Amino acid sequence: MDKWCHYVLKCSDRSFYSGSTTDLVRRVWEHNQGKGAKYTRARLPVDVIYFEKYPDRSSAQKAEAAFKKLNRKKKEEFIDKWRNL
């Protein structure tokens, strides 16, 4: 079984999109082809700025939900902290 991952994209309008998948390369390709989420279709292109693997879907979706609850400043701090590891 594939590992799940939580990912964050930066959209062309500098907003963030967060999701979960078992195939990050395919999913980002889908987003950039306009076949991803409705949110990203109007904000192309998108770039991956964060991802983390999880053992199961539930864990990945919990991480996604936690990220989505953060305000913009906290999201930026989260990404900056991850980039500096």
PDB file of N, CA and C in Angstrom:
ATOM      1  N   MET A   1       0.839  -1.189   0.000  1.00  0.00           N
ATOM      2  CA  MET A   1       0.000   0.000   0.000  1.00  0.00           C
ATOM      3  C   MET A   1       0.883   1.250   0.000  1.00  0.00           C
ATOM      4  N   ASP A   2       0.491   2.239  -0.778  1.00  0.00           N
ATOM      5  CA  ASP A   2       1.245   3.483  -0.869  1.00  0.00           C
ATOM      6  C   ASP A   2       1.135   4.288   0.415  1.00  0.00           C
ATOM      7  N   LYS A   3       2.183   5.006   0.698  1.00  0.00           N
ATOM      8  CA  LYS A   3       2.152   5.940   1.829  1.00  0.00           C
ATOM      9  C   LYS A   3       1.393   7.191   1.398  1.00  0.00           C
ATOM     10  N   TRP A   4       0.729   7.770   2.329  1.00  0.00           N
ATOM     11  CA  TRP A   4       0.005   9.011   2.079  1.00  0.00           C
ATOM     12  C   TRP A   4       0.901  10.193   2.398  1.00  0.00           C
ATOM     13  N   CYS A   5       0.612  11.318   1.774  1.00  0.00           N
ATOM     14  CA  CYS A   5       1.342  12.525   2.128  1.00  0.00           C
ATOM     15  C   CYS A   5       0.399  13.718   2.158  1.00  0.00           C
ATOM     16  N   HIS A   6       0.740  14.633   3.034  1.00  0.00           N
ATOM     17  CA  HIS A   6       0.067  15.933   3.104  1.00  0.00           C
ATOM     18  C   HIS A   6       0.990  16.889   2.363  1.00  0.00           C
ATOM     19  N   TYR A   7       0.420  17.732   1.518  1.00  0.00           N
ATOM     20  CA  TYR A   7       1.244  18.659   0.743  1.00  0.00           C
ATOM     21  C   TYR A   7       0.627  20.047   0.763  1.00  0.00           C
ATOM     22  N   VAL A   8       1.483  21.042   0.521  1.00  0.00           N
ATOM     23  CA  VAL A   8       1.040  22.424   0.410  1.00  0.00           C
ATOM     24  C   VAL A   8       1.581  22.975  -0.899  1.00  0.00           C
ATOM     25  N   LEU A   9       0.701  23.609  -1.647  1.00  0.00           N
ATOM     26  CA  LEU A   9       1.067  24.251  -2.901  1.00  0.00           C
ATOM     27  C   LEU A   9       1.016  25.758  -2.729  1.00  0.00           C
ATOM     28  N   LYS A  10       1.893  26.448  -3.441  1.00  0.00           N
ATOM     29  CA  LYS A  10       1.791  27.898  -3.531  1.00  0.00           C
ATOM     30  C   LYS A  10       1.221  28.194  -4.904  1.00  0.00           C
ATOM     31  N   CYS A  11       0.125  28.909  -4.921  1.00  0.00           N
ATOM     32  CA  CYS A  11      -0.560  29.229  -6.178  1.00  0.00           C
ATOM     33  C   CYS A  11       0.004  30.514  -6.778  1.00  0.00           C
ATOM     34  N   SER A  12      -0.347  30.781  -8.024  1.00  0.00           N
ATOM     35  CA  SER A  12       0.178  31.950  -8.725  1.00  0.00           C
ATOM     36  C   SER A  12      -0.210  33.264  -8.054  1.00  0.00           C
ATOM     37  N   ASP A  13      -1.304  33.267  -7.298  1.00  0.00           N
ATOM     38  CA  ASP A  13      -1.708  34.482  -6.579  1.00  0.00           C
ATOM     39  C   ASP A  13      -1.092  34.546  -5.180  1.00  0.00           C
ATOM     40  N   ARG A  14      -0.137  33.647  -4.902  1.00  0.00           N
ATOM     41  CA  ARG A  14       0.614  33.546  -3.660  1.00  0.00           C
ATOM     42  C   ARG A  14      -0.207  32.984  -2.501  1.00  0.00           C
ATOM     43  N   SER A  15      -1.389  32.468  -2.788  1.00  0.00           N
ATOM     44  CA  SER A  15      -2.178  31.802  -1.757  1.00  0.00           C
ATOM     45  C   SER A  15      -1.688  30.359  -1.621  1.00  0.00           C
ATOM     46  N   PHE A  16      -2.117  29.703  -0.557  1.00  0.00           N
ATOM     47  CA  PHE A  16      -1.735  28.326  -0.298  1.00  0.00           C
ATOM     48  C   PHE A  16      -2.906  27.383  -0.549  1.00  0.00           C
ATOM     49  N   TYR A  17      -2.589  26.189  -1.012  1.00  0.00           N
ATOM     50  CA  TYR A  17      -3.578  25.121  -1.140  1.00  0.00           C
ATOM     51  C   TYR A  17      -2.986  23.904  -0.450  1.00  0.00           C
ATOM     52  N   SER A  18      -3.780  23.221   0.356  1.00  0.00           N
ATOM     53  CA  SER A  18      -3.323  22.054   1.094  1.00  0.00           C
ATOM     54  C   SER A  18      -4.154  20.841   0.704  1.00  0.00           C
ATOM     55  N   GLY A  19      -3.488  19.691   0.546  1.00  0.00           N
ATOM     56  CA  GLY A  19      -4.200  18.469   0.186  1.00  0.00           C
ATOM     57  C   GLY A  19      -3.472  17.230   0.660  1.00  0.00           C
ATOM     58  N   SER A  20      -4.056  16.076   0.360  1.00  0.00           N
ATOM     59  CA  SER A  20      -3.483  14.775   0.701  1.00  0.00           C
ATOM     60  C   SER A  20      -3.554  13.868  -0.522  1.00  0.00           C
ATOM     61  N   THR A  21      -2.557  13.005  -0.679  1.00  0.00           N
ATOM     62  CA  THR A  21      -2.523  12.102  -1.823  1.00  0.00           C
ATOM     63  C   THR A  21      -1.553  10.954  -1.572  1.00  0.00           C
ATOM     64  N   THR A  22      -1.622   9.926  -2.402  1.00  0.00           N
ATOM     65  CA  THR A  22      -0.637   8.847  -2.366  1.00  0.00           C
ATOM     66  C   THR A  22       0.393   9.015  -3.476  1.00  0.00           C
ATOM     67  N   ASP A  23       0.149   9.925  -4.412  1.00  0.00           N
ATOM     68  CA  ASP A  23       1.056  10.145  -5.542  1.00  0.00           C
ATOM     69  C   ASP A  23       1.206  11.643  -5.778  1.00  0.00           C
ATOM     70  N   LEU A  24       2.181  12.230  -5.127  1.00  0.00           N
ATOM     71  CA  LEU A  24       2.349  13.679  -5.175  1.00  0.00           C
ATOM     72  C   LEU A  24       2.662  14.192  -6.576  1.00  0.00           C
ATOM     73  N   VAL A  25       3.518  13.514  -7.302  1.00  0.00           N
ATOM     74  CA  VAL A  25       3.879  13.963  -8.657  1.00  0.00           C
ATOM     75  C   VAL A  25       2.637  14.006  -9.551  1.00  0.00           C
ATOM     76  N   ARG A  26       1.853  12.937  -9.529  1.00  0.00           N
ATOM     77  CA  ARG A  26       0.631  12.884 -10.339  1.00  0.00           C
ATOM     78  C   ARG A  26      -0.339  13.977  -9.921  1.00  0.00           C
ATOM     79  N   ARG A  27      -0.499  14.164  -8.610  1.00  0.00           N
ATOM     80  CA  ARG A  27      -1.479  15.126  -8.119  1.00  0.00           C
ATOM     81  C   ARG A  27      -1.103  16.550  -8.493  1.00  0.00           C
ATOM     82  N   VAL A  28       0.165  16.911  -8.385  1.00  0.00           N
ATOM     83  CA  VAL A  28       0.595  18.259  -8.768  1.00  0.00           C
ATOM     84  C   VAL A  28       0.410  18.446 -10.276  1.00  0.00           C
ATOM     85  N   TRP A  29       0.713  17.409 -11.055  1.00  0.00           N
ATOM     86  CA  TRP A  29       0.494  17.476 -12.502  1.00  0.00           C
ATOM     87  C   TRP A  29      -0.984  17.734 -12.786  1.00  0.00           C
ATOM     88  N   GLU A  30      -1.859  17.011 -12.084  1.00  0.00           N
ATOM     89  CA  GLU A  30      -3.300  17.214 -12.272  1.00  0.00           C
ATOM     90  C   GLU A  30      -3.698  18.648 -11.940  1.00  0.00           C
ATOM     91  N   HIS A  31      -3.199  19.168 -10.831  1.00  0.00           N
ATOM     92  CA  HIS A  31      -3.501  20.560 -10.476  1.00  0.00           C
ATOM     93  C   HIS A  31      -3.072  21.494 -11.599  1.00  0.00           C
ATOM     94  N   ASN A  32      -1.855  21.322 -12.111  1.00  0.00           N
ATOM     95  CA  ASN A  32      -1.341  22.224 -13.141  1.00  0.00           C
ATOM     96  C   ASN A  32      -1.979  22.023 -14.510  1.00  0.00           C
ATOM     97  N   GLN A  33      -2.679  20.920 -14.707  1.00  0.00           N
ATOM     98  CA  GLN A  33      -3.436  20.695 -15.938  1.00  0.00           C
ATOM     99  C   GLN A  33      -4.871  21.214 -15.816  1.00  0.00           C
ATOM    100  N   GLY A  34      -5.206  21.783 -14.667  1.00  0.00           N
ATOM    101  CA  GLY A  34      -6.559  22.281 -14.439  1.00  0.00           C
ATOM    102  C   GLY A  34      -7.533  21.178 -14.070  1.00  0.00           C
ATOM    103  N   LYS A  35      -7.002  20.014 -13.703  1.00  0.00           N
ATOM    104  CA  LYS A  35      -7.842  18.874 -13.357  1.00  0.00           C
ATOM    105  C   LYS A  35      -7.856  18.612 -11.857  1.00  0.00           C
ATOM    106  N   GLY A  36      -7.235  19.507 -11.113  1.00  0.00           N
ATOM    107  CA  GLY A  36      -7.193  19.356  -9.659  1.00  0.00           C
ATOM    108  C   GLY A  36      -8.403  20.017  -9.033  1.00  0.00           C
ATOM    109  N   ALA A  37      -8.218  20.523  -7.858  1.00  0.00           N
ATOM    110  CA  ALA A  37      -9.290  21.180  -7.117  1.00  0.00           C
ATOM    111  C   ALA A  37      -9.749  22.451  -7.829  1.00  0.00           C
ATOM    112  N   LYS A  38     -11.003  22.773  -7.649  1.00  0.00           N
ATOM    113  CA  LYS A  38     -11.567  23.987  -8.239  1.00  0.00           C
ATOM    114  C   LYS A  38     -10.771  25.220  -7.805  1.00  0.00           C
ATOM    115  N   TYR A  39     -10.321  25.219  -6.552  1.00  0.00           N
ATOM    116  CA  TYR A  39      -9.564  26.358  -6.026  1.00  0.00           C
ATOM    117  C   TYR A  39      -8.315  26.627  -6.848  1.00  0.00           C
ATOM    118  N   THR A  40      -7.578  25.578  -7.201  1.00  0.00           N
ATOM    119  CA  THR A  40      -6.309  25.779  -7.907  1.00  0.00           C
ATOM    120  C   THR A  40      -6.503  26.085  -9.389  1.00  0.00           C
ATOM    121  N   ARG A  41      -7.622  25.686  -9.969  1.00  0.00           N
ATOM    122  CA  ARG A  41      -7.840  25.909 -11.407  1.00  0.00           C
ATOM    123  C   ARG A  41      -7.731  27.377 -11.804  1.00  0.00           C
ATOM    124  N   ALA A  42      -8.151  28.253 -10.924  1.00  0.00           N
ATOM    125  CA  ALA A  42      -8.117  29.691 -11.222  1.00  0.00           C
ATOM    126  C   ALA A  42      -6.823  30.344 -10.757  1.00  0.00           C
ATOM    127  N   ARG A  43      -5.892  29.533 -10.245  1.00  0.00           N
ATOM    128  CA  ARG A  43      -4.664  30.091  -9.662  1.00  0.00           C
ATOM    129  C   ARG A  43      -3.417  29.377 -10.172  1.00  0.00           C
ATOM    130  N   LEU A  44      -3.414  29.009 -11.421  1.00  0.00           N
ATOM    131  CA  LEU A  44      -2.300  28.257 -12.010  1.00  0.00           C
ATOM    132  C   LEU A  44      -1.189  29.200 -12.457  1.00  0.00           C
ATOM    133  N   PRO A  45       0.048  28.735 -12.468  1.00  0.00           N
ATOM    134  CA  PRO A  45       0.497  27.405 -12.049  1.00  0.00           C
ATOM    135  C   PRO A  45       0.683  27.334 -10.529  1.00  0.00           C
ATOM    136  N   VAL A  46       0.824  26.108 -10.046  1.00  0.00           N
ATOM    137  CA  VAL A  46       1.070  25.884  -8.626  1.00  0.00           C
ATOM    138  C   VAL A  46       2.422  25.195  -8.464  1.00  0.00           C
ATOM    139  N   ASP A  47       3.046  25.411  -7.312  1.00  0.00           N
ATOM    140  CA  ASP A  47       4.331  24.779  -6.993  1.00  0.00           C
ATOM    141  C   ASP A  47       4.243  24.140  -5.615  1.00  0.00           C
ATOM    142  N   VAL A  48       4.868  22.989  -5.470  1.00  0.00           N
ATOM    143  CA  VAL A  48       4.932  22.334  -4.165  1.00  0.00           C
ATOM    144  C   VAL A  48       5.926  23.093  -3.293  1.00  0.00           C
ATOM    145  N   ILE A  49       5.487  23.477  -2.095  1.00  0.00           N
ATOM    146  CA  ILE A  49       6.398  24.159  -1.174  1.00  0.00           C
ATOM    147  C   ILE A  49       6.595  23.359   0.111  1.00  0.00           C
ATOM    148  N   TYR A  50       5.793  22.306   0.305  1.00  0.00           N
ATOM    149  CA  TYR A  50       5.914  21.469   1.486  1.00  0.00           C
ATOM    150  C   TYR A  50       5.239  20.139   1.225  1.00  0.00           C
ATOM    151  N   PHE A  51       5.821  19.066   1.758  1.00  0.00           N
ATOM    152  CA  PHE A  51       5.132  17.778   1.805  1.00  0.00           C
ATOM    153  C   PHE A  51       5.730  16.951   2.925  1.00  0.00           C
ATOM    154  N   GLU A  52       4.915  16.071   3.460  1.00  0.00           N
ATOM    155  CA  GLU A  52       5.360  15.165   4.511  1.00  0.00           C
ATOM    156  C   GLU A  52       4.587  13.863   4.376  1.00  0.00           C
ATOM    157  N   LYS A  53       5.300  12.746   4.491  1.00  0.00           N
ATOM    158  CA  LYS A  53       4.667  11.432   4.355  1.00  0.00           C
ATOM    159  C   LYS A  53       4.082  10.958   5.677  1.00  0.00           C
ATOM    160  N   TYR A  54       2.991  10.211   5.562  1.00  0.00           N
ATOM    161  CA  TYR A  54       2.289   9.653   6.714  1.00  0.00           C
ATOM    162  C   TYR A  54       1.976   8.191   6.435  1.00  0.00           C
ATOM    163  N   PRO A  55       1.806   7.398   7.485  1.00  0.00           N
ATOM    164  CA  PRO A  55       1.580   5.962   7.293  1.00  0.00           C
ATOM    165  C   PRO A  55       0.198   5.604   6.756  1.00  0.00           C
ATOM    166  N   ASP A  56      -0.764   6.531   6.898  1.00  0.00           N
ATOM    167  CA  ASP A  56      -2.122   6.216   6.449  1.00  0.00           C
ATOM    168  C   ASP A  56      -2.884   7.491   6.081  1.00  0.00           C
ATOM    169  N   ARG A  57      -4.011   7.299   5.435  1.00  0.00           N
ATOM    170  CA  ARG A  57      -4.830   8.411   4.961  1.00  0.00           C
ATOM    171  C   ARG A  57      -5.302   9.298   6.112  1.00  0.00           C
ATOM    172  N   SER A  58      -5.738   8.677   7.180  1.00  0.00           N
ATOM    173  CA  SER A  58      -6.259   9.423   8.317  1.00  0.00           C
ATOM    174  C   SER A  58      -5.227  10.406   8.864  1.00  0.00           C
ATOM    175  N   SER A  59      -4.007   9.956   9.041  1.00  0.00           N
ATOM    176  CA  SER A  59      -2.939  10.822   9.567  1.00  0.00           C
ATOM    177  C   SER A  59      -2.655  11.985   8.627  1.00  0.00           C
ATOM    178  N   ALA A  60      -2.603  11.707   7.335  1.00  0.00           N
ATOM    179  CA  ALA A  60      -2.340  12.762   6.347  1.00  0.00           C
ATOM    180  C   ALA A  60      -3.466  13.787   6.346  1.00  0.00           C
ATOM    181  N   GLN A  61      -4.700  13.317   6.425  1.00  0.00           N
ATOM    182  CA  GLN A  61      -5.830  14.246   6.407  1.00  0.00           C
ATOM    183  C   GLN A  61      -5.936  15.049   7.695  1.00  0.00           C
ATOM    184  N   LYS A  62      -5.502  14.483   8.811  1.00  0.00           N
ATOM    185  CA  LYS A  62      -5.471  15.239  10.059  1.00  0.00           C
ATOM    186  C   LYS A  62      -4.439  16.359   9.966  1.00  0.00           C
ATOM    187  N   ALA A  63      -3.286  16.076   9.374  1.00  0.00           N
ATOM    188  CA  ALA A  63      -2.255  17.101   9.183  1.00  0.00           C
ATOM    189  C   ALA A  63      -2.765  18.196   8.245  1.00  0.00           C
ATOM    190  N   GLU A  64      -3.456  17.787   7.190  1.00  0.00           N
ATOM    191  CA  GLU A  64      -4.041  18.744   6.244  1.00  0.00           C
ATOM    192  C   GLU A  64      -5.045  19.651   6.958  1.00  0.00           C
ATOM    193  N   ALA A  65      -5.931  19.066   7.741  1.00  0.00           N
ATOM    194  CA  ALA A  65      -6.947  19.839   8.458  1.00  0.00           C
ATOM    195  C   ALA A  65      -6.307  20.815   9.441  1.00  0.00           C
ATOM    196  N   ALA A  66      -5.259  20.379  10.131  1.00  0.00           N
ATOM    197  CA  ALA A  66      -4.572  21.248  11.087  1.00  0.00           C
ATOM    198  C   ALA A  66      -3.936  22.435  10.366  1.00  0.00           C
ATOM    199  N   PHE A  67      -3.325  22.197   9.209  1.00  0.00           N
ATOM    200  CA  PHE A  67      -2.708  23.277   8.439  1.00  0.00           C
ATOM    201  C   PHE A  67      -3.767  24.275   7.981  1.00  0.00           C
ATOM    202  N   LYS A  68      -4.894  23.774   7.508  1.00  0.00           N
ATOM    203  CA  LYS A  68      -5.952  24.652   7.004  1.00  0.00           C
ATOM    204  C   LYS A  68      -6.531  25.557   8.087  1.00  0.00           C
ATOM    205  N   LYS A  69      -6.439  25.150   9.343  1.00  0.00           N
ATOM    206  CA  LYS A  69      -6.963  25.961  10.446  1.00  0.00           C
ATOM    207  C   LYS A  69      -6.051  27.122  10.806  1.00  0.00           C
ATOM    208  N   LEU A  70      -4.800  27.086  10.361  1.00  0.00           N
ATOM    209  CA  LEU A  70      -3.855  28.155  10.677  1.00  0.00           C
ATOM    210  C   LEU A  70      -4.187  29.423   9.903  1.00  0.00           C
ATOM    211  N   ASN A  71      -3.878  30.576  10.496  1.00  0.00           N
ATOM    212  CA  ASN A  71      -4.018  31.820   9.743  1.00  0.00           C
ATOM    213  C   ASN A  71      -2.810  31.968   8.811  1.00  0.00           C
ATOM    214  N   ARG A  72      -2.846  32.953   7.955  1.00  0.00           N
ATOM    215  CA  ARG A  72      -1.806  33.132   6.947  1.00  0.00           C
ATOM    216  C   ARG A  72      -0.415  33.242   7.575  1.00  0.00           C
ATOM    217  N   LYS A  73      -0.289  34.037   8.626  1.00  0.00           N
ATOM    218  CA  LYS A  73       1.019  34.222   9.258  1.00  0.00           C
ATOM    219  C   LYS A  73       1.545  32.905   9.811  1.00  0.00           C
ATOM    220  N   LYS A  74       0.697  32.136  10.467  1.00  0.00           N
ATOM    221  CA  LYS A  74       1.106  30.850  11.040  1.00  0.00           C
ATOM    222  C   LYS A  74       1.471  29.856   9.934  1.00  0.00           C
ATOM    223  N   LYS A  75       0.761  29.900   8.816  1.00  0.00           N
ATOM    224  CA  LYS A  75       1.097  29.026   7.679  1.00  0.00           C
ATOM    225  C   LYS A  75       2.485  29.372   7.151  1.00  0.00           C
ATOM    226  N   GLU A  76       2.765  30.664   7.020  1.00  0.00           N
ATOM    227  CA  GLU A  76       4.081  31.090   6.549  1.00  0.00           C
ATOM    228  C   GLU A  76       5.185  30.674   7.518  1.00  0.00           C
ATOM    229  N   GLU A  77       4.925  30.808   8.823  1.00  0.00           N
ATOM    230  CA  GLU A  77       5.898  30.390   9.824  1.00  0.00           C
ATOM    231  C   GLU A  77       6.141  28.885   9.758  1.00  0.00           C
ATOM    232  N   PHE A  78       5.087  28.116   9.561  1.00  0.00           N
ATOM    233  CA  PHE A  78       5.194  26.663   9.438  1.00  0.00           C
ATOM    234  C   PHE A  78       6.083  26.287   8.252  1.00  0.00           C
ATOM    235  N   ILE A  79       5.834  26.911   7.115  1.00  0.00           N
ATOM    236  CA  ILE A  79       6.615  26.631   5.898  1.00  0.00           C
ATOM    237  C   ILE A  79       8.066  27.052   6.097  1.00  0.00           C
ATOM    238  N   ASP A  80       8.304  28.236   6.664  1.00  0.00           N
ATOM    239  CA  ASP A  80       9.671  28.715   6.895  1.00  0.00           C
ATOM    240  C   ASP A  80      10.432  27.786   7.835  1.00  0.00           C
ATOM    241  N   LYS A  81       9.777  27.339   8.883  1.00  0.00           N
ATOM    242  CA  LYS A  81      10.410  26.426   9.834  1.00  0.00           C
ATOM    243  C   LYS A  81      10.805  25.131   9.140  1.00  0.00           C
ATOM    244  N   TRP A  82       9.912  24.600   8.320  1.00  0.00           N
ATOM    245  CA  TRP A  82      10.183  23.357   7.603  1.00  0.00           C
ATOM    246  C   TRP A  82      11.348  23.535   6.621  1.00  0.00           C
ATOM    247  N   ARG A  83      11.400  24.642   5.938  1.00  0.00           N
ATOM    248  CA  ARG A  83      12.473  24.906   4.971  1.00  0.00           C
ATOM    249  C   ARG A  83      13.828  25.025   5.643  1.00  0.00           C
ATOM    250  N   ASN A  84      13.855  25.451   6.904  1.00  0.00           N
ATOM    251  CA  ASN A  84      15.125  25.650   7.608  1.00  0.00           C
ATOM    252  C   ASN A  84      15.594  24.420   8.359  1.00  0.00           C
ATOM    253  N   LEU A  85      14.893  23.316   8.247  1.00  0.00           N
ATOM    254  CA  LEU A  85      15.331  22.079   8.931  1.00  0.00           C
ATOM    255  C   LEU A  85      16.521  21.462   8.247  1.00  0.00           C
TER     256      LEU A  85
END
